[in-house]
Amino acid sequence: MANPSIRYGASIRKRYAAVKREKQARYKCEICGKTTVKRISTSIWKCRHCSTIYAGGAYTMTTTAGESAKSLVQGLSRK
């Protein structure tokens, strides 16, 4: 088993595994372009190459609300 606290239910184990994969994955830095951004604590992400610190989601670097806000700001700045 992946985690002893999650015992029963395949759907719960699959959901836990998906969140764990997203949490431990490396993401692409928007500044230097390298795939070296890792989670250092809850909602805090840091690029190991250029030391840029990002605020993001608890388990993923970006959230759906953050993505939509970013696209809205970019759309408004183009006008």
Foldseek 3Di string as FASTA:
>chain_A
DVDVVDDDDPVVVVVVVVLVCQQQAFDADPPPGDRAWHDPAAQWIARPPPGDIAGDHRRHRHDPVRVVVVVVVVVVVVD
